[in-house]
């Protein structure tokens, strides 16, 4: 997913194929929503808080943008399926791990961040607990 110059999440086909897996998602993500997500991931990286709340924004205009992105992308689901049946049946994940509108809390899913924003080397090291 990281080989392409523009991020794969913006593709209209909602599909990425590789020799090992097929990744599908059920909703087109437009560039303006992706830009807000990318900004949130950058903020998440710079934060030392493990439970980083993306709704913890003081600026009301930015907070409204974030809420709009959350509501728009909430139904988005990624489906990962291995081409070789011996590699497993695949799995699904969503962009957001936790969402509570009453408590004004929302967290990005670490799997989503790893798939679309982290380098391959970083992800491998994280999975091997080297980081």
Foldseek 3Di string as FASTA:
>chain_A
DPPDPDFPLQDPVQWDDDLWKIKGKDDHDHPVLVVLVVVLVVVVVVDPDPQDFSCPDPDPVNNVSVVVSCVVQVVIKMWMATPDVVVDGTDMDGQWDDDDVVVRGTHGDVVVCCVTPDDPVVSVCVVVVVD
